[in-house]
Amino acid sequence: MSTDAEPILRIEGVVKKFGPRTVLNQVDLTVQPGEVVVLVGPSGTGKSTLLRCVNGLEEIQGGRVLFENRPVVANSKSVIDVRKHIGMIFQSFNLYPHLTALGNVMLAPMKVLGESKSVVEARARELFRKVRLEHRADAYPGQLSGGEQQRVAIARALAMNPSLLLFDEPTSALDPETVGDVLDVMEDLAREGRTMMVVTHEIGFARHVGDRIVFMDEGRIVEMGAPEEVIDAPREERTRQFFSSILRG
């Protein structure tokens, strides 16, 4: 992680409302190149919504989001170009069932970037090795386990060579036996120096892989810092309550 470089992402005073309900309330956050920022907190507190604002999937009612010094504005022509450089991995895998795993990974670089099939296929097969699925590249999504499908989804995001990876609770829909395989791939990406924002309830992953933990509650950032600070020695009472509850036993 580079601490002297210009932040790759700036979130400044972001407000997001759904009708009368304020989901994000004056959120400020920066992300450095190569940093792994893990967002934790109770369900329904705005973590996933924040990722969607970063990717321009949600309009904001206040503040601004800057990615590589470019404003991210939902429903604008410019956001299409921004999304070419941000990879997002959702809870659901959203793979095309009529395409093989390899076909799913190759689709966007060919259609969006206009790259040749031979170039994209070579890169895609290397990515299957990276996510430890080279033996499943020709399988269809219906033939894959949930954990395998999520690793294909990660490879699909990587195929666009993104500058920033967003993970929205990537293991929440998985069988417990397959969670570790996905987390191992994510840890590999962190070791490579990938810039990542991760929403997760996997506190072990947050502790061992995160450079910085951001604890959110009721649409606000309550506390942030190194894992050993926020998880093991939180300053705020609300943070202490949260970790005491989920780490009990």
C-alpha atoms as a PDB file:
ATOM      1  CA  MET A   1       0.000   0.000   0.000  1.00  0.00           C
ATOM      2  CA  SER A   2       1.250   3.458  -0.942  1.00  0.00           C
ATOM      3  CA  THR A   3       0.610   6.038   1.769  1.00  0.00           C
ATOM      4  CA  ASP A   4       2.209   8.937  -0.104  1.00  0.00           C
ATOM      5  CA  ALA A   5       0.340   8.545  -3.376  1.00  0.00           C
ATOM      6  CA  GLU A   6      -2.819  10.380  -4.326  1.00  0.00           C
ATOM      7  CA  PRO A   7      -5.873   8.446  -3.071  1.00  0.00           C
ATOM      8  CA  ILE A   8      -7.459   6.334  -5.776  1.00  0.00           C
ATOM      9  CA  LEU A   9     -10.873   7.000  -4.226  1.00  0.00           C
ATOM     10  CA  ARG A  10     -12.315   9.934  -2.332  1.00  0.00           C
ATOM     11  CA  ILE A  11     -15.732   9.800  -0.689  1.00  0.00           C
ATOM     12  CA  GLU A  12     -16.581  13.263   0.575  1.00  0.00           C
ATOM     13  CA  GLY A  13     -19.655  14.045   2.647  1.00  0.00           C
ATOM     14  CA  VAL A  14     -21.800  11.493   0.835  1.00  0.00           C
ATOM     15  CA  VAL A  15     -25.501  11.462   1.646  1.00  0.00           C
ATOM     16  CA  LYS A  16     -27.795   8.782   0.247  1.00  0.00           C
ATOM     17  CA  LYS A  17     -31.525   8.657   0.866  1.00  0.00           C
ATOM     18  CA  PHE A  18     -34.231   6.192  -0.063  1.00  0.00           C
ATOM     19  CA  GLY A  19     -37.358   8.305   0.222  1.00  0.00           C
ATOM     20  CA  PRO A  20     -37.430   9.865   3.701  1.00  0.00           C
ATOM     21  CA  ARG A  21     -34.839   7.396   5.036  1.00  0.00           C
ATOM     22  CA  THR A  22     -31.209   8.498   5.182  1.00  0.00           C
ATOM     23  CA  VAL A  23     -29.039   5.457   4.478  1.00  0.00           C
ATOM     24  CA  LEU A  24     -25.673   7.251   4.291  1.00  0.00           C
ATOM     25  CA  ASN A  25     -25.173  10.337   6.394  1.00  0.00           C
ATOM     26  CA  GLN A  26     -22.135  12.532   5.633  1.00  0.00           C
ATOM     27  CA  VAL A  27     -19.727   9.676   4.905  1.00  0.00           C
ATOM     28  CA  ASP A  28     -16.067  10.629   4.380  1.00  0.00           C
ATOM     29  CA  LEU A  29     -13.472   8.065   3.341  1.00  0.00           C
ATOM     30  CA  THR A  30     -10.361   7.832   1.180  1.00  0.00           C
ATOM     31  CA  VAL A  31      -8.715   4.704  -0.213  1.00  0.00           C
ATOM     32  CA  GLN A  32      -5.037   4.545  -1.143  1.00  0.00           C
ATOM     33  CA  PRO A  33      -3.638   2.529  -4.056  1.00  0.00           C
ATOM     34  CA  GLY A  34      -2.958  -1.026  -2.905  1.00  0.00           C
ATOM     35  CA  GLU A  35      -5.016  -0.664   0.268  1.00  0.00           C
ATOM     36  CA  VAL A  36      -7.542  -3.238   1.484  1.00  0.00           C
ATOM     37  CA  VAL A  37     -10.369  -1.444   3.284  1.00  0.00           C
ATOM     38  CA  VAL A  38     -12.876  -3.708   5.029  1.00  0.00           C
ATOM     39  CA  LEU A  39     -16.316  -2.359   5.900  1.00  0.00           C
ATOM     40  CA  VAL A  40     -18.010  -4.030   8.850  1.00  0.00           C
ATOM     41  CA  GLY A  41     -21.071  -3.332  10.939  1.00  0.00           C
ATOM     42  CA  PRO A  42     -24.681  -4.387  11.499  1.00  0.00           C
ATOM     43  CA  SER A  43     -26.827  -5.350   8.543  1.00  0.00           C
ATOM     44  CA  GLY A  44     -28.774  -2.493   6.995  1.00  0.00           C
ATOM     45  CA  THR A  45     -26.343   0.210   8.006  1.00  0.00           C
ATOM     46  CA  GLY A  46     -25.345   1.354   4.513  1.00  0.00           C
ATOM     47  CA  LYS A  47     -22.181  -0.626   3.777  1.00  0.00           C
ATOM     48  CA  SER A  48     -23.399  -2.218   0.554  1.00  0.00           C
ATOM     49  CA  THR A  49     -25.105   1.007  -0.477  1.00  0.00           C
ATOM     50  CA  LEU A  50     -21.771   2.799  -0.114  1.00  0.00           C
ATOM     51  CA  LEU A  51     -20.139   0.364  -2.546  1.00  0.00           C
ATOM     52  CA  ARG A  52     -22.973   0.910  -5.005  1.00  0.00           C
ATOM     53  CA  CYS A  53     -22.454   4.673  -4.774  1.00  0.00           C
ATOM     54  CA  VAL A  54     -18.740   4.207  -5.471  1.00  0.00           C
ATOM     55  CA  ASN A  55     -19.615   2.265  -8.631  1.00  0.00           C
ATOM     56  CA  GLY A  56     -22.249   4.768  -9.740  1.00  0.00           C
ATOM     57  CA  LEU A  57     -25.114   2.328  -9.287  1.00  0.00           C
ATOM     58  CA  GLU A  58     -26.920   4.656  -6.868  1.00  0.00           C
ATOM     59  CA  GLU A  59     -27.551   8.380  -7.100  1.00  0.00           C
ATOM     60  CA  ILE A  60     -26.411  10.393  -4.098  1.00  0.00           C
ATOM     61  CA  GLN A  61     -28.224  13.349  -2.596  1.00  0.00           C
ATOM     62  CA  GLY A  62     -25.185  15.086  -1.156  1.00  0.00           C
ATOM     63  CA  GLY A  63     -21.400  15.131  -1.282  1.00  0.00           C
ATOM     64  CA  ARG A  64     -19.358  13.542  -4.032  1.00  0.00           C
ATOM     65  CA  VAL A  65     -17.390  10.456  -5.029  1.00  0.00           C
ATOM     66  CA  LEU A  66     -14.113  10.855  -6.908  1.00  0.00           C
ATOM     67  CA  PHE A  67     -12.424   7.839  -8.507  1.00  0.00           C
ATOM     68  CA  GLU A  68      -8.947   8.568  -9.858  1.00  0.00           C
ATOM     69  CA  ASN A  69      -9.901  12.260  -9.550  1.00  0.00           C
ATOM     70  CA  ARG A  70     -12.933  11.775 -11.786  1.00  0.00           C
ATOM     71  CA  PRO A  71     -16.436  12.364 -10.394  1.00  0.00           C
ATOM     72  CA  VAL A  72     -18.648   9.290 -10.228  1.00  0.00           C
ATOM     73  CA  VAL A  73     -22.128  10.398 -11.244  1.00  0.00           C
ATOM     74  CA  ALA A  74     -24.879   7.792 -11.524  1.00  0.00           C
ATOM     75  CA  ASN A  75     -26.914   7.756 -14.739  1.00  0.00           C
ATOM     76  CA  SER A  76     -24.323   9.830 -16.592  1.00  0.00           C
ATOM     77  CA  LYS A  77     -22.394   8.994 -19.752  1.00  0.00           C
ATOM     78  CA  SER A  78     -19.113   9.386 -17.878  1.00  0.00           C
ATOM     79  CA  VAL A  79     -19.962   6.667 -15.350  1.00  0.00           C
ATOM     80  CA  ILE A  80     -19.749   4.043 -18.102  1.00  0.00           C
ATOM     81  CA  ASP A  81     -16.040   4.744 -18.528  1.00  0.00           C
ATOM     82  CA  VAL A  82     -15.489   4.802 -14.769  1.00  0.00           C
ATOM     83  CA  ARG A  83     -17.018   1.344 -14.402  1.00  0.00           C
ATOM     84  CA  LYS A  84     -14.508  -0.061 -16.884  1.00  0.00           C
ATOM     85  CA  HIS A  85     -11.893   0.462 -14.169  1.00  0.00           C
ATOM     86  CA  ILE A  86     -13.893  -0.747 -11.161  1.00  0.00           C
ATOM     87  CA  GLY A  87     -14.659  -4.431 -10.705  1.00  0.00           C
ATOM     88  CA  MET A  88     -17.608  -5.331  -8.487  1.00  0.00           C
ATOM     89  CA  ILE A  89     -18.332  -8.751  -7.035  1.00  0.00           C
ATOM     90  CA  PHE A  90     -21.848  -9.115  -5.647  1.00  0.00           C
ATOM     91  CA  GLN A  91     -23.463 -11.529  -3.191  1.00  0.00           C
ATOM     92  CA  SER A  92     -25.211 -13.229  -6.113  1.00  0.00           C
ATOM     93  CA  PHE A  93     -22.954 -14.397  -8.887  1.00  0.00           C
ATOM     94  CA  ASN A  94     -25.004 -13.104 -11.874  1.00  0.00           C
ATOM     95  CA  LEU A  95     -23.332 -15.449 -14.355  1.00  0.00           C
ATOM     96  CA  TYR A  96     -24.939 -16.044 -17.747  1.00  0.00           C
ATOM     97  CA  PRO A  97     -26.249 -19.622 -17.552  1.00  0.00           C
ATOM     98  CA  HIS A  98     -25.991 -20.230 -21.315  1.00  0.00           C
ATOM     99  CA  LEU A  99     -22.261 -19.426 -21.367  1.00  0.00           C
ATOM    100  CA  THR A 100     -19.440 -21.528 -19.996  1.00  0.00           C
ATOM    101  CA  ALA A 101     -17.391 -20.172 -17.122  1.00  0.00           C
ATOM    102  CA  LEU A 102     -14.748 -19.183 -19.675  1.00  0.00           C
ATOM    103  CA  GLY A 103     -17.353 -17.488 -21.850  1.00  0.00           C
ATOM    104  CA  ASN A 104     -18.598 -15.460 -18.889  1.00  0.00           C
ATOM    105  CA  VAL A 105     -15.095 -14.214 -18.133  1.00  0.00           C
ATOM    106  CA  MET A 106     -14.300 -13.364 -21.754  1.00  0.00           C
ATOM    107  CA  LEU A 107     -17.520 -11.527 -22.564  1.00  0.00           C
ATOM    108  CA  ALA A 108     -16.881  -8.027 -21.179  1.00  0.00           C
ATOM    109  CA  PRO A 109     -13.312  -7.521 -22.464  1.00  0.00           C
ATOM    110  CA  MET A 110     -14.452  -8.511 -25.950  1.00  0.00           C
ATOM    111  CA  LYS A 111     -17.725  -6.549 -25.996  1.00  0.00           C
ATOM    112  CA  VAL A 112     -16.797  -3.503 -23.908  1.00  0.00           C
ATOM    113  CA  LEU A 113     -13.077  -3.133 -24.618  1.00  0.00           C
ATOM    114  CA  GLY A 114     -13.127  -4.594 -28.120  1.00  0.00           C
ATOM    115  CA  GLU A 115     -10.199  -6.913 -27.469  1.00  0.00           C
ATOM    116  CA  SER A 116      -9.564  -9.891 -29.718  1.00  0.00           C
ATOM    117  CA  LYS A 117     -10.790 -13.347 -28.738  1.00  0.00           C
ATOM    118  CA  SER A 118      -7.295 -14.845 -28.713  1.00  0.00           C
ATOM    119  CA  VAL A 119      -5.884 -12.161 -26.401  1.00  0.00           C
ATOM    120  CA  VAL A 120      -8.862 -12.321 -24.041  1.00  0.00           C
ATOM    121  CA  GLU A 121      -8.906 -16.112 -23.913  1.00  0.00           C
ATOM    122  CA  ALA A 122      -5.218 -16.298 -22.994  1.00  0.00           C
ATOM    123  CA  ARG A 123      -5.767 -13.796 -20.178  1.00  0.00           C
ATOM    124  CA  ALA A 124      -8.956 -15.519 -19.030  1.00  0.00           C
ATOM    125  CA  ARG A 125      -7.280 -18.910 -18.755  1.00  0.00           C
ATOM    126  CA  GLU A 126      -4.511 -17.347 -16.676  1.00  0.00           C
ATOM    127  CA  LEU A 127      -7.182 -15.862 -14.429  1.00  0.00           C
ATOM    128  CA  PHE A 128      -8.753 -19.291 -13.992  1.00  0.00           C
ATOM    129  CA  ARG A 129      -5.405 -20.471 -12.676  1.00  0.00           C
ATOM    130  CA  LYS A 130      -5.332 -17.473 -10.351  1.00  0.00           C
ATOM    131  CA  VAL A 131      -8.728 -18.344  -8.861  1.00  0.00           C
ATOM    132  CA  ARG A 132      -7.789 -22.058  -8.787  1.00  0.00           C
ATOM    133  CA  LEU A 133     -10.417 -23.160 -11.279  1.00  0.00           C
ATOM    134  CA  GLU A 134      -8.449 -23.976 -14.438  1.00  0.00           C
ATOM    135  CA  HIS A 135     -10.089 -27.428 -14.489  1.00  0.00           C
ATOM    136  CA  ARG A 136     -13.596 -25.882 -14.533  1.00  0.00           C
ATOM    137  CA  ALA A 137     -13.222 -23.254 -17.261  1.00  0.00           C
ATOM    138  CA  ASP A 138     -15.420 -25.153 -19.731  1.00  0.00           C
ATOM    139  CA  ALA A 139     -18.197 -25.951 -17.244  1.00  0.00           C
ATOM    140  CA  TYR A 140     -21.514 -24.112 -17.255  1.00  0.00           C
ATOM    141  CA  PRO A 141     -22.650 -22.184 -14.150  1.00  0.00           C
ATOM    142  CA  GLY A 142     -25.294 -24.798 -13.368  1.00  0.00           C
ATOM    143  CA  GLN A 143     -22.524 -27.374 -13.064  1.00  0.00           C
ATOM    144  CA  LEU A 144     -20.563 -25.319 -10.543  1.00  0.00           C
ATOM    145  CA  SER A 145     -20.920 -24.975  -6.791  1.00  0.00           C
ATOM    146  CA  GLY A 146     -21.709 -21.588  -5.301  1.00  0.00           C
ATOM    147  CA  GLY A 147     -18.109 -21.093  -4.275  1.00  0.00           C
ATOM    148  CA  GLU A 148     -16.897 -21.980  -7.752  1.00  0.00           C
ATOM    149  CA  GLN A 149     -19.387 -19.575  -9.325  1.00  0.00           C
ATOM    150  CA  GLN A 150     -18.188 -16.784  -7.059  1.00  0.00           C
ATOM    151  CA  ARG A 151     -14.593 -17.438  -8.040  1.00  0.00           C
ATOM    152  CA  VAL A 152     -15.652 -17.250 -11.701  1.00  0.00           C
ATOM    153  CA  ALA A 153     -17.295 -13.913 -10.867  1.00  0.00           C
ATOM    154  CA  ILE A 154     -13.994 -12.716  -9.381  1.00  0.00           C
ATOM    155  CA  ALA A 155     -12.146 -13.822 -12.527  1.00  0.00           C
ATOM    156  CA  ARG A 156     -14.746 -11.986 -14.616  1.00  0.00           C
ATOM    157  CA  ALA A 157     -14.097  -8.773 -12.683  1.00  0.00           C
ATOM    158  CA  LEU A 158     -10.319  -9.210 -13.011  1.00  0.00           C
ATOM    159  CA  ALA A 159     -10.602  -9.724 -16.779  1.00  0.00           C
ATOM    160  CA  MET A 160     -11.224  -5.981 -17.190  1.00  0.00           C
ATOM    161  CA  ASN A 161      -7.935  -5.140 -15.407  1.00  0.00           C
ATOM    162  CA  PRO A 162      -9.688  -2.920 -12.844  1.00  0.00           C
ATOM    163  CA  SER A 163      -7.882  -0.409 -10.657  1.00  0.00           C
ATOM    164  CA  LEU A 164     -10.318  -1.004  -7.789  1.00  0.00           C
ATOM    165  CA  LEU A 165     -12.178  -4.135  -6.687  1.00  0.00           C
ATOM    166  CA  LEU A 166     -15.422  -3.891  -4.706  1.00  0.00           C
ATOM    167  CA  PHE A 167     -16.635  -6.989  -2.848  1.00  0.00           C
ATOM    168  CA  ASP A 168     -20.205  -6.862  -1.516  1.00  0.00           C
ATOM    169  CA  GLU A 169     -20.481  -9.678   1.043  1.00  0.00           C
ATOM    170  CA  PRO A 170     -19.039 -12.164  -1.458  1.00  0.00           C
ATOM    171  CA  THR A 171     -19.371 -15.175   0.844  1.00  0.00           C
ATOM    172  CA  SER A 172     -22.778 -14.518   2.408  1.00  0.00           C
ATOM    173  CA  ALA A 173     -24.681 -16.768  -0.036  1.00  0.00           C
ATOM    174  CA  LEU A 174     -22.193 -19.643   0.098  1.00  0.00           C
ATOM    175  CA  ASP A 175     -22.174 -23.009   1.798  1.00  0.00           C
ATOM    176  CA  PRO A 176     -19.771 -22.812   4.768  1.00  0.00           C
ATOM    177  CA  GLU A 177     -17.508 -25.422   3.160  1.00  0.00           C
ATOM    178  CA  THR A 178     -16.849 -23.200   0.140  1.00  0.00           C
ATOM    179  CA  VAL A 179     -16.329 -19.886   1.955  1.00  0.00           C
ATOM    180  CA  GLY A 180     -12.650 -20.575   2.600  1.00  0.00           C
ATOM    181  CA  ASP A 181     -11.870 -21.104  -1.093  1.00  0.00           C
ATOM    182  CA  VAL A 182     -13.245 -17.661  -1.966  1.00  0.00           C
ATOM    183  CA  LEU A 183     -11.500 -15.960   0.955  1.00  0.00           C
ATOM    184  CA  ASP A 184      -8.200 -17.606  -0.039  1.00  0.00           C
ATOM    185  CA  VAL A 185      -8.476 -16.104  -3.536  1.00  0.00           C
ATOM    186  CA  MET A 186      -9.282 -12.693  -2.065  1.00  0.00           C
ATOM    187  CA  GLU A 187      -6.270 -12.950   0.237  1.00  0.00           C
ATOM    188  CA  ASP A 188      -4.085 -13.782  -2.777  1.00  0.00           C
ATOM    189  CA  LEU A 189      -5.350 -10.630  -4.512  1.00  0.00           C
ATOM    190  CA  ALA A 190      -4.542  -8.559  -1.441  1.00  0.00           C
ATOM    191  CA  ARG A 191      -0.998  -9.948  -1.401  1.00  0.00           C
ATOM    192  CA  GLU A 192      -0.628  -8.892  -5.046  1.00  0.00           C
ATOM    193  CA  GLY A 193      -1.284  -5.308  -3.989  1.00  0.00           C
ATOM    194  CA  ARG A 194      -4.798  -5.028  -5.403  1.00  0.00           C
ATOM    195  CA  THR A 195      -6.840  -2.087  -4.184  1.00  0.00           C
ATOM    196  CA  MET A 196      -9.963  -3.512  -2.543  1.00  0.00           C
ATOM    197  CA  MET A 197     -13.043  -2.412  -0.626  1.00  0.00           C
ATOM    198  CA  VAL A 198     -14.717  -5.365   1.038  1.00  0.00           C
ATOM    199  CA  VAL A 199     -18.056  -5.547   2.833  1.00  0.00           C
ATOM    200  CA  THR A 200     -18.020  -8.715   4.911  1.00  0.00           C
ATOM    201  CA  HIS A 201     -19.044 -10.368   8.162  1.00  0.00           C
ATOM    202  CA  GLU A 202     -15.933 -12.565   8.034  1.00  0.00           C
ATOM    203  CA  ILE A 203     -14.049 -10.961  10.900  1.00  0.00           C
ATOM    204  CA  GLY A 204     -11.103 -13.360  10.613  1.00  0.00           C
ATOM    205  CA  PHE A 205     -10.550 -12.181   7.047  1.00  0.00           C
ATOM    206  CA  ALA A 206     -10.915  -8.561   8.137  1.00  0.00           C
ATOM    207  CA  ARG A 207      -8.345  -9.031  10.877  1.00  0.00           C
ATOM    208  CA  HIS A 208      -5.720 -10.830   8.799  1.00  0.00           C
ATOM    209  CA  VAL A 209      -6.119  -9.206   5.380  1.00  0.00           C
ATOM    210  CA  GLY A 210      -7.508  -5.717   5.937  1.00  0.00           C
ATOM    211  CA  ASP A 211      -5.138  -2.766   6.099  1.00  0.00           C
ATOM    212  CA  ARG A 212      -7.918  -0.682   7.582  1.00  0.00           C
ATOM    213  CA  ILE A 213     -11.243  -1.561   9.192  1.00  0.00           C
ATOM    214  CA  VAL A 214     -14.183   0.823   8.845  1.00  0.00           C
ATOM    215  CA  PHE A 215     -16.996   0.209  11.320  1.00  0.00           C
ATOM    216  CA  MET A 216     -20.343   1.652  10.214  1.00  0.00           C
ATOM    217  CA  ASP A 217     -23.621   2.000  12.067  1.00  0.00           C
ATOM    218  CA  GLU A 218     -26.823   3.808  11.101  1.00  0.00           C
ATOM    219  CA  GLY A 219     -25.320   5.214   7.930  1.00  0.00           C
ATOM    220  CA  ARG A 220     -22.264   6.742   9.567  1.00  0.00           C
ATOM    221  CA  ILE A 221     -18.636   5.779  10.007  1.00  0.00           C
ATOM    222  CA  VAL A 222     -18.300   5.308  13.750  1.00  0.00           C
ATOM    223  CA  GLU A 223     -14.663   4.276  13.851  1.00  0.00           C
ATOM    224  CA  MET A 224     -11.829   3.324  11.541  1.00  0.00           C
ATOM    225  CA  GLY A 225      -8.248   2.202  11.927  1.00  0.00           C
ATOM    226  CA  ALA A 226      -5.918  -0.773  11.795  1.00  0.00           C
ATOM    227  CA  PRO A 227      -7.533  -4.163  12.550  1.00  0.00           C
ATOM    228  CA  GLU A 228      -5.778  -4.503  15.897  1.00  0.00           C
ATOM    229  CA  GLU A 229      -7.171  -1.144  16.929  1.00  0.00           C
ATOM    230  CA  VAL A 230     -10.770  -1.397  15.760  1.00  0.00           C
ATOM    231  CA  ILE A 231     -11.380  -5.097  16.420  1.00  0.00           C
ATOM    232  CA  ASP A 232      -9.253  -5.693  19.517  1.00  0.00           C
ATOM    233  CA  ALA A 233      -9.190  -2.277  21.197  1.00  0.00           C
ATOM    234  CA  PRO A 234     -12.044  -0.128  19.852  1.00  0.00           C
ATOM    235  CA  ARG A 235     -12.394   3.403  21.177  1.00  0.00           C
ATOM    236  CA  GLU A 236     -16.130   3.786  20.661  1.00  0.00           C
ATOM    237  CA  GLU A 237     -18.727   2.064  22.822  1.00  0.00           C
ATOM    238  CA  ARG A 238     -20.890   1.135  19.814  1.00  0.00           C
ATOM    239  CA  THR A 239     -17.890  -0.580  18.198  1.00  0.00           C
ATOM    240  CA  ARG A 240     -17.157  -2.468  21.420  1.00  0.00           C
ATOM    241  CA  GLN A 241     -20.769  -3.653  21.599  1.00  0.00           C
ATOM    242  CA  PHE A 242     -20.699  -4.902  18.020  1.00  0.00           C
ATOM    243  CA  PHE A 243     -17.482  -6.890  18.261  1.00  0.00           C
ATOM    244  CA  SER A 244     -18.317  -8.184  21.720  1.00  0.00           C
ATOM    245  CA  SER A 245     -21.562  -9.572  20.303  1.00  0.00           C
ATOM    246  CA  ILE A 246     -20.190 -11.227  17.172  1.00  0.00           C
ATOM    247  CA  LEU A 247     -16.977 -12.530  18.742  1.00  0.00           C
ATOM    248  CA  ARG A 248     -18.685 -13.940  21.837  1.00  0.00           C
ATOM    249  CA  GLY A 249     -17.879 -17.585  22.321  1.00  0.00           C
END
